[in-house]
Amino acid sequence: MTRRKKTRSLADKVQIRTGRRKDYKKWRHENPDQVTSSTRYTQKKRQQRKLQAARKQARQEAGQEIAIHPEHEGGQGSDQGGPSN
């Protein structure tokens, strides 16, 4: 007899009538309030997002400053919108 692989999946923790994947998907769709992400998963994702934001911030600070619209930097805020006639 083969050993079952250890898993953190929620599918194995839910007791439904047949245990088939299709039935689990249907049950999950019908009962969204009973299906939540594990705390381990949410903590991991939160940490990943923090790291990604820190890397992005470092990239932005390390990048060179460029003047995209230097002719509009003279304090003339009235020329916004379409072309003037």
PDB file of N, CA and C in Angstrom:
ATOM      1  N   MET A   1       0.841  -1.171   0.000  1.00  0.00           N
ATOM      2  CA  MET A   1       0.000   0.000   0.000  1.00  0.00           C
ATOM      3  C   MET A   1       0.893   1.245   0.000  1.00  0.00           C
ATOM      4  N   THR A   2       0.522   2.232  -0.795  1.00  0.00           N
ATOM      5  CA  THR A   2       1.347   3.432  -0.898  1.00  0.00           C
ATOM      6  C   THR A   2       0.971   4.424   0.188  1.00  0.00           C
ATOM      7  N   ARG A   3       1.952   5.208   0.567  1.00  0.00           N
ATOM      8  CA  ARG A   3       1.705   6.233   1.571  1.00  0.00           C
ATOM      9  C   ARG A   3       1.110   7.454   0.910  1.00  0.00           C
ATOM     10  N   ARG A   4       0.244   8.133   1.635  1.00  0.00           N
ATOM     11  CA  ARG A   4      -0.330   9.380   1.113  1.00  0.00           C
ATOM     12  C   ARG A   4       0.661  10.508   1.302  1.00  0.00           C
ATOM     13  N   LYS A   5       0.758  11.357   0.322  1.00  0.00           N
ATOM     14  CA  LYS A   5       1.652  12.508   0.394  1.00  0.00           C
ATOM     15  C   LYS A   5       1.079  13.538   1.371  1.00  0.00           C
ATOM     16  N   LYS A   6       1.952  14.088   2.196  1.00  0.00           N
ATOM     17  CA  LYS A   6       1.513  15.142   3.110  1.00  0.00           C
ATOM     18  C   LYS A   6       1.171  16.374   2.298  1.00  0.00           C
ATOM     19  N   THR A   7       0.102  17.038   2.664  1.00  0.00           N
ATOM     20  CA  THR A   7      -0.290  18.234   1.935  1.00  0.00           C
ATOM     21  C   THR A   7      -0.873  19.255   2.887  1.00  0.00           C
ATOM     22  N   ARG A   8      -0.742  20.500   2.508  1.00  0.00           N
ATOM     23  CA  ARG A   8      -1.375  21.563   3.290  1.00  0.00           C
ATOM     24  C   ARG A   8      -2.660  22.004   2.623  1.00  0.00           C
ATOM     25  N   SER A   9      -3.078  21.259   1.634  1.00  0.00           N
ATOM     26  CA  SER A   9      -4.237  21.691   0.862  1.00  0.00           C
ATOM     27  C   SER A   9      -5.510  21.604   1.688  1.00  0.00           C
ATOM     28  N   LEU A  10      -6.399  22.528   1.429  1.00  0.00           N
ATOM     29  CA  LEU A  10      -7.667  22.575   2.154  1.00  0.00           C
ATOM     30  C   LEU A  10      -8.600  21.462   1.701  1.00  0.00           C
ATOM     31  N   ALA A  11      -8.382  20.957   0.490  1.00  0.00           N
ATOM     32  CA  ALA A  11      -9.278  19.949  -0.064  1.00  0.00           C
ATOM     33  C   ALA A  11      -9.314  18.688   0.801  1.00  0.00           C
ATOM     34  N   ASP A  12      -8.161  18.337   1.410  1.00  0.00           N
ATOM     35  CA  ASP A  12      -8.130  17.123   2.221  1.00  0.00           C
ATOM     36  C   ASP A  12      -8.783  17.318   3.586  1.00  0.00           C
ATOM     37  N   LYS A  13      -8.931  18.547   4.022  1.00  0.00           N
ATOM     38  CA  LYS A  13      -9.505  18.803   5.337  1.00  0.00           C
ATOM     39  C   LYS A  13     -11.022  18.904   5.300  1.00  0.00           C
ATOM     40  N   VAL A  14     -11.582  19.009   4.127  1.00  0.00           N
ATOM     41  CA  VAL A  14     -13.022  19.188   3.990  1.00  0.00           C
ATOM     42  C   VAL A  14     -13.684  17.832   3.776  1.00  0.00           C
ATOM     43  N   GLN A  15     -14.678  17.550   4.574  1.00  0.00           N
ATOM     44  CA  GLN A  15     -15.409  16.294   4.423  1.00  0.00           C
ATOM     45  C   GLN A  15     -16.671  16.557   3.620  1.00  0.00           C
ATOM     46  N   ILE A  16     -16.691  16.082   2.410  1.00  0.00           N
ATOM     47  CA  ILE A  16     -17.898  16.182   1.601  1.00  0.00           C
ATOM     48  C   ILE A  16     -18.262  14.788   1.139  1.00  0.00           C
ATOM     49  N   ARG A  17     -19.384  14.700   0.475  1.00  0.00           N
ATOM     50  CA  ARG A  17     -19.979  13.399   0.218  1.00  0.00           C
ATOM     51  C   ARG A  17     -19.074  12.454  -0.559  1.00  0.00           C
ATOM     52  N   THR A  18     -18.507  12.889  -1.664  1.00  0.00           N
ATOM     53  CA  THR A  18     -17.756  11.960  -2.496  1.00  0.00           C
ATOM     54  C   THR A  18     -16.255  12.159  -2.398  1.00  0.00           C
ATOM     55  N   GLY A  19     -15.816  13.371  -2.085  1.00  0.00           N
ATOM     56  CA  GLY A  19     -14.388  13.618  -2.015  1.00  0.00           C
ATOM     57  C   GLY A  19     -13.760  13.874  -3.366  1.00  0.00           C
ATOM     58  N   ARG A  20     -14.566  13.982  -4.404  1.00  0.00           N
ATOM     59  CA  ARG A  20     -14.001  14.247  -5.726  1.00  0.00           C
ATOM     60  C   ARG A  20     -13.691  15.724  -5.882  1.00  0.00           C
ATOM     61  N   ARG A  21     -12.717  16.015  -6.739  1.00  0.00           N
ATOM     62  CA  ARG A  21     -12.305  17.399  -6.961  1.00  0.00           C
ATOM     63  C   ARG A  21     -13.450  18.259  -7.478  1.00  0.00           C
ATOM     64  N   LYS A  22     -14.235  17.724  -8.399  1.00  0.00           N
ATOM     65  CA  LYS A  22     -15.349  18.488  -8.961  1.00  0.00           C
ATOM     66  C   LYS A  22     -16.352  18.851  -7.868  1.00  0.00           C
ATOM     67  N   ASP A  23     -16.633  17.905  -6.989  1.00  0.00           N
ATOM     68  CA  ASP A  23     -17.571  18.166  -5.899  1.00  0.00           C
ATOM     69  C   ASP A  23     -17.009  19.189  -4.915  1.00  0.00           C
ATOM     70  N   TYR A  24     -15.713  19.125  -4.674  1.00  0.00           N
ATOM     71  CA  TYR A  24     -15.098  20.091  -3.770  1.00  0.00           C
ATOM     72  C   TYR A  24     -15.167  21.492  -4.366  1.00  0.00           C
ATOM     73  N   LYS A  25     -14.889  21.605  -5.675  1.00  0.00           N
ATOM     74  CA  LYS A  25     -14.968  22.915  -6.326  1.00  0.00           C
ATOM     75  C   LYS A  25     -16.384  23.482  -6.238  1.00  0.00           C
ATOM     76  N   LYS A  26     -17.374  22.605  -6.420  1.00  0.00           N
ATOM     77  CA  LYS A  26     -18.770  23.044  -6.336  1.00  0.00           C
ATOM     78  C   LYS A  26     -19.099  23.490  -4.908  1.00  0.00           C
ATOM     79  N   TRP A  27     -18.666  22.700  -3.926  1.00  0.00           N
ATOM     80  CA  TRP A  27     -18.916  23.041  -2.533  1.00  0.00           C
ATOM     81  C   TRP A  27     -18.249  24.367  -2.175  1.00  0.00           C
ATOM     82  N   ARG A  28     -17.019  24.560  -2.636  1.00  0.00           N
ATOM     83  CA  ARG A  28     -16.280  25.783  -2.338  1.00  0.00           C
ATOM     84  C   ARG A  28     -16.972  27.006  -2.939  1.00  0.00           C
ATOM     85  N   HIS A  29     -17.529  26.806  -4.136  1.00  0.00           N
ATOM     86  CA  HIS A  29     -18.245  27.900  -4.790  1.00  0.00           C
ATOM     87  C   HIS A  29     -19.539  28.244  -4.041  1.00  0.00           C
ATOM     88  N   GLU A  30     -20.211  27.221  -3.513  1.00  0.00           N
ATOM     89  CA  GLU A  30     -21.483  27.426  -2.821  1.00  0.00           C
ATOM     90  C   GLU A  30     -21.300  27.926  -1.383  1.00  0.00           C
ATOM     91  N   ASN A  31     -20.131  27.693  -0.786  1.00  0.00           N
ATOM     92  CA  ASN A  31     -19.887  28.073   0.609  1.00  0.00           C
ATOM     93  C   ASN A  31     -18.636  28.938   0.740  1.00  0.00           C
ATOM     94  N   PRO A  32     -18.651  30.136   0.198  1.00  0.00           N
ATOM     95  CA  PRO A  32     -17.430  30.949   0.256  1.00  0.00           C
ATOM     96  C   PRO A  32     -17.066  31.399   1.668  1.00  0.00           C
ATOM     97  N   ASP A  33     -18.052  31.444   2.574  1.00  0.00           N
ATOM     98  CA  ASP A  33     -17.761  31.888   3.933  1.00  0.00           C
ATOM     99  C   ASP A  33     -16.980  30.846   4.727  1.00  0.00           C
ATOM    100  N   GLN A  34     -17.042  29.584   4.326  1.00  0.00           N
ATOM    101  CA  GLN A  34     -16.326  28.534   5.045  1.00  0.00           C
ATOM    102  C   GLN A  34     -14.931  28.294   4.485  1.00  0.00           C
ATOM    103  N   VAL A  35     -14.620  28.911   3.357  1.00  0.00           N
ATOM    104  CA  VAL A  35     -13.323  28.702   2.723  1.00  0.00           C
ATOM    105  C   VAL A  35     -12.473  29.943   2.947  1.00  0.00           C
ATOM    106  N   THR A  36     -11.399  29.802   3.704  1.00  0.00           N
ATOM    107  CA  THR A  36     -10.485  30.913   3.931  1.00  0.00           C
ATOM    108  C   THR A  36      -9.063  30.434   3.691  1.00  0.00           C
ATOM    109  N   SER A  37      -8.190  31.355   3.343  1.00  0.00           N
ATOM    110  CA  SER A  37      -6.784  31.023   3.173  1.00  0.00           C
ATOM    111  C   SER A  37      -6.179  30.736   4.539  1.00  0.00           C
ATOM    112  N   SER A  38      -5.190  29.864   4.561  1.00  0.00           N
ATOM    113  CA  SER A  38      -4.533  29.555   5.825  1.00  0.00           C
ATOM    114  C   SER A  38      -3.715  30.759   6.278  1.00  0.00           C
ATOM    115  N   THR A  39      -3.498  30.854   7.590  1.00  0.00           N
ATOM    116  CA  THR A  39      -2.720  31.979   8.110  1.00  0.00           C
ATOM    117  C   THR A  39      -1.288  31.918   7.594  1.00  0.00           C
ATOM    118  N   ARG A  40      -0.774  30.724   7.419  1.00  0.00           N
ATOM    119  CA  ARG A  40       0.590  30.563   6.897  1.00  0.00           C
ATOM    120  C   ARG A  40       0.694  31.167   5.503  1.00  0.00           C
ATOM    121  N   TYR A  41      -0.302  30.905   4.664  1.00  0.00           N
ATOM    122  CA  TYR A  41      -0.311  31.423   3.288  1.00  0.00           C
ATOM    123  C   TYR A  41      -0.426  32.943   3.275  1.00  0.00           C
ATOM    124  N   THR A  42      -1.341  33.484   4.079  1.00  0.00           N
ATOM    125  CA  THR A  42      -1.532  34.936   4.072  1.00  0.00           C
ATOM    126  C   THR A  42      -0.305  35.660   4.618  1.00  0.00           C
ATOM    127  N   GLN A  43       0.348  35.087   5.639  1.00  0.00           N
ATOM    128  CA  GLN A  43       1.565  35.702   6.168  1.00  0.00           C
ATOM    129  C   GLN A  43       2.679  35.676   5.134  1.00  0.00           C
ATOM    130  N   LYS A  44       2.789  34.560   4.425  1.00  0.00           N
ATOM    131  CA  LYS A  44       3.817  34.431   3.392  1.00  0.00           C
ATOM    132  C   LYS A  44       3.596  35.455   2.284  1.00  0.00           C
ATOM    133  N   LYS A  45       2.348  35.589   1.831  1.00  0.00           N
ATOM    134  CA  LYS A  45       2.042  36.531   0.756  1.00  0.00           C
ATOM    135  C   LYS A  45       2.256  37.976   1.213  1.00  0.00           C
ATOM    136  N   ARG A  46       1.895  38.290   2.452  1.00  0.00           N
ATOM    137  CA  ARG A  46       2.104  39.641   2.973  1.00  0.00           C
ATOM    138  C   ARG A  46       3.596  39.977   2.987  1.00  0.00           C
ATOM    139  N   GLN A  47       4.405  39.003   3.421  1.00  0.00           N
ATOM    140  CA  GLN A  47       5.856  39.208   3.449  1.00  0.00           C
ATOM    141  C   GLN A  47       6.405  39.401   2.036  1.00  0.00           C
ATOM    142  N   GLN A  48       5.906  38.613   1.074  1.00  0.00           N
ATOM    143  CA  GLN A  48       6.350  38.747  -0.311  1.00  0.00           C
ATOM    144  C   GLN A  48       6.006  40.124  -0.863  1.00  0.00           C
ATOM    145  N   ARG A  49       4.825  40.625  -0.539  1.00  0.00           N
ATOM    146  CA  ARG A  49       4.419  41.950  -1.021  1.00  0.00           C
ATOM    147  C   ARG A  49       5.293  43.048  -0.417  1.00  0.00           C
ATOM    148  N   LYS A  50       5.642  42.894   0.865  1.00  0.00           N
ATOM    149  CA  LYS A  50       6.523  43.874   1.502  1.00  0.00           C
ATOM    150  C   LYS A  50       7.884  43.894   0.822  1.00  0.00           C
ATOM    151  N   LEU A  51       8.434  42.705   0.543  1.00  0.00           N
ATOM    152  CA  LEU A  51       9.730  42.618  -0.122  1.00  0.00           C
ATOM    153  C   LEU A  51       9.675  43.222  -1.515  1.00  0.00           C
ATOM    154  N   GLN A  52       8.602  42.932  -2.230  1.00  0.00           N
ATOM    155  CA  GLN A  52       8.456  43.464  -3.579  1.00  0.00           C
ATOM    156  C   GLN A  52       8.380  44.992  -3.549  1.00  0.00           C
ATOM    157  N   ALA A  53       7.635  45.535  -2.595  1.00  0.00           N
ATOM    158  CA  ALA A  53       7.519  46.988  -2.479  1.00  0.00           C
ATOM    159  C   ALA A  53       8.870  47.608  -2.116  1.00  0.00           C
ATOM    160  N   ALA A  54       9.631  46.952  -1.245  1.00  0.00           N
ATOM    161  CA  ALA A  54      10.946  47.471  -0.863  1.00  0.00           C
ATOM    162  C   ALA A  54      11.895  47.463  -2.054  1.00  0.00           C
ATOM    163  N   ARG A  55      11.852  46.394  -2.850  1.00  0.00           N
ATOM    164  CA  ARG A  55      12.701  46.325  -4.043  1.00  0.00           C
ATOM    165  C   ARG A  55      12.325  47.410  -5.042  1.00  0.00           C
ATOM    166  N   LYS A  56      11.031  47.629  -5.223  1.00  0.00           N
ATOM    167  CA  LYS A  56      10.574  48.659  -6.155  1.00  0.00           C
ATOM    168  C   LYS A  56      11.023  50.039  -5.687  1.00  0.00           C
ATOM    169  N   GLN A  57      10.901  50.291  -4.388  1.00  0.00           N
ATOM    170  CA  GLN A  57      11.320  51.573  -3.831  1.00  0.00           C
ATOM    171  C   GLN A  57      12.816  51.781  -4.046  1.00  0.00           C
ATOM    172  N   ALA A  58      13.611  50.730  -3.823  1.00  0.00           N
ATOM    173  CA  ALA A  58      15.060  50.830  -4.010  1.00  0.00           C
ATOM    174  C   ALA A  58      15.407  51.098  -5.471  1.00  0.00           C
ATOM    175  N   ARG A  59      14.685  50.452  -6.386  1.00  0.00           N
ATOM    176  CA  ARG A  59      14.915  50.686  -7.815  1.00  0.00           C
ATOM    177  C   ARG A  59      14.607  52.129  -8.185  1.00  0.00           C
ATOM    178  N   GLN A  60      13.500  52.649  -7.656  1.00  0.00           N
ATOM    179  CA  GLN A  60      13.107  54.019  -7.976  1.00  0.00           C
ATOM    180  C   GLN A  60      14.117  55.028  -7.432  1.00  0.00           C
ATOM    181  N   GLU A  61      14.641  54.772  -6.239  1.00  0.00           N
ATOM    182  CA  GLU A  61      15.613  55.690  -5.650  1.00  0.00           C
ATOM    183  C   GLU A  61      16.958  55.608  -6.358  1.00  0.00           C
ATOM    184  N   ALA A  62      17.309  54.422  -6.866  1.00  0.00           N
ATOM    185  CA  ALA A  62      18.591  54.236  -7.542  1.00  0.00           C
ATOM    186  C   ALA A  62      18.556  54.752  -8.979  1.00  0.00           C
ATOM    187  N   GLY A  63      17.375  54.876  -9.555  1.00  0.00           N
ATOM    188  CA  GLY A  63      17.259  55.321 -10.940  1.00  0.00           C
ATOM    189  C   GLY A  63      17.599  56.788 -11.090  1.00  0.00           C
ATOM    190  N   GLN A  64      17.941  57.162 -12.323  1.00  0.00           N
ATOM    191  CA  GLN A  64      18.288  58.564 -12.562  1.00  0.00           C
ATOM    192  C   GLN A  64      17.038  59.395 -12.793  1.00  0.00           C
ATOM    193  N   GLU A  65      17.132  60.637 -12.400  1.00  0.00           N
ATOM    194  CA  GLU A  65      16.016  61.576 -12.529  1.00  0.00           C
ATOM    195  C   GLU A  65      15.990  62.112 -13.957  1.00  0.00           C
ATOM    196  N   ILE A  66      14.838  62.050 -14.603  1.00  0.00           N
ATOM    197  CA  ILE A  66      14.720  62.592 -15.958  1.00  0.00           C
ATOM    198  C   ILE A  66      13.596  63.613 -15.989  1.00  0.00           C
ATOM    199  N   ALA A  67      13.780  64.635 -16.804  1.00  0.00           N
ATOM    200  CA  ALA A  67      12.756  65.670 -16.956  1.00  0.00           C
ATOM    201  C   ALA A  67      11.912  65.311 -18.170  1.00  0.00           C
ATOM    202  N   ILE A  68      10.711  64.823 -17.944  1.00  0.00           N
ATOM    203  CA  ILE A  68       9.864  64.366 -19.043  1.00  0.00           C
ATOM    204  C   ILE A  68       9.290  65.547 -19.806  1.00  0.00           C
ATOM    205  N   HIS A  69       8.799  66.556 -19.088  1.00  0.00           N
ATOM    206  CA  HIS A  69       8.221  67.742 -19.728  1.00  0.00           C
ATOM    207  C   HIS A  69       8.917  68.992 -19.181  1.00  0.00           C
ATOM    208  N   PRO A  70      10.137  69.246 -19.590  1.00  0.00           N
ATOM    209  CA  PRO A  70      10.853  70.381 -19.002  1.00  0.00           C
ATOM    210  C   PRO A  70      10.273  71.735 -19.387  1.00  0.00           C
ATOM    211  N   GLU A  71       9.604  71.853 -20.542  1.00  0.00           N
ATOM    212  CA  GLU A  71       9.073  73.149 -20.961  1.00  0.00           C
ATOM    213  C   GLU A  71       7.873  73.569 -20.127  1.00  0.00           C
ATOM    214  N   HIS A  72       7.201  72.643 -19.443  1.00  0.00           N
ATOM    215  CA  HIS A  72       6.034  72.972 -18.622  1.00  0.00           C
ATOM    216  C   HIS A  72       6.401  73.164 -17.156  1.00  0.00           C
ATOM    217  N   GLU A  73       7.664  73.141 -16.825  1.00  0.00           N
ATOM    218  CA  GLU A  73       8.092  73.245 -15.435  1.00  0.00           C
ATOM    219  C   GLU A  73       8.207  74.692 -14.972  1.00  0.00           C
ATOM    220  N   GLY A  74       7.882  75.678 -15.818  1.00  0.00           N
ATOM    221  CA  GLY A  74       8.062  77.081 -15.481  1.00  0.00           C
ATOM    222  C   GLY A  74       6.989  77.653 -14.581  1.00  0.00           C
ATOM    223  N   GLY A  75       6.114  76.839 -14.017  1.00  0.00           N
ATOM    224  CA  GLY A  75       5.079  77.319 -13.124  1.00  0.00           C
ATOM    225  C   GLY A  75       3.836  77.782 -13.856  1.00  0.00           C
ATOM    226  N   GLN A  76       3.681  77.435 -15.089  1.00  0.00           N
ATOM    227  CA  GLN A  76       2.498  77.829 -15.858  1.00  0.00           C
ATOM    228  C   GLN A  76       1.474  76.704 -15.773  1.00  0.00           C
ATOM    229  N   GLY A  77       0.617  76.770 -14.794  1.00  0.00           N
ATOM    230  CA  GLY A  77      -0.378  75.725 -14.593  1.00  0.00           C
ATOM    231  C   GLY A  77      -1.653  75.967 -15.354  1.00  0.00           C
ATOM    232  N   SER A  78      -1.769  77.109 -16.033  1.00  0.00           N
ATOM    233  CA  SER A  78      -3.022  77.431 -16.715  1.00  0.00           C
ATOM    234  C   SER A  78      -3.131  76.773 -18.083  1.00  0.00           C
ATOM    235  N   ASP A  79      -2.047  76.201 -18.596  1.00  0.00           N
ATOM    236  CA  ASP A  79      -2.051  75.640 -19.946  1.00  0.00           C
ATOM    237  C   ASP A  79      -2.308  74.134 -19.911  1.00  0.00           C
ATOM    238  N   GLN A  80      -3.235  73.691 -19.092  1.00  0.00           N
ATOM    239  CA  GLN A  80      -3.568  72.276 -19.048  1.00  0.00           C
ATOM    240  C   GLN A  80      -4.804  72.026 -19.870  1.00  0.00           C
ATOM    241  N   GLY A  81      -4.855  70.859 -20.494  1.00  0.00           N
ATOM    242  CA  GLY A  81      -6.020  70.538 -21.314  1.00  0.00           C
ATOM    243  C   GLY A  81      -5.625  70.434 -22.770  1.00  0.00           C
ATOM    244  N   GLY A  82      -6.531  70.761 -23.656  1.00  0.00           N
ATOM    245  CA  GLY A  82      -6.318  70.642 -25.090  1.00  0.00           C
ATOM    246  C   GLY A  82      -5.533  71.801 -25.662  1.00  0.00           C
ATOM    247  N   PRO A  83      -5.365  71.814 -26.984  1.00  0.00           N
ATOM    248  CA  PRO A  83      -4.617  72.903 -27.623  1.00  0.00           C
ATOM    249  C   PRO A  83      -5.390  74.214 -27.547  1.00  0.00           C
ATOM    250  N   SER A  84      -4.636  75.310 -27.415  1.00  0.00           N
ATOM    251  CA  SER A  84      -5.284  76.622 -27.317  1.00  0.00           C
ATOM    252  C   SER A  84      -5.488  77.210 -28.700  1.00  0.00           C
ATOM    253  N   ASN A  85      -6.592  77.913 -28.916  1.00  0.00           N
ATOM    254  CA  ASN A  85      -6.900  78.517 -30.225  1.00  0.00           C
ATOM    255  C   ASN A  85      -6.602  79.991 -30.232  1.00  0.00           C
TER     256      ASN A  85
END
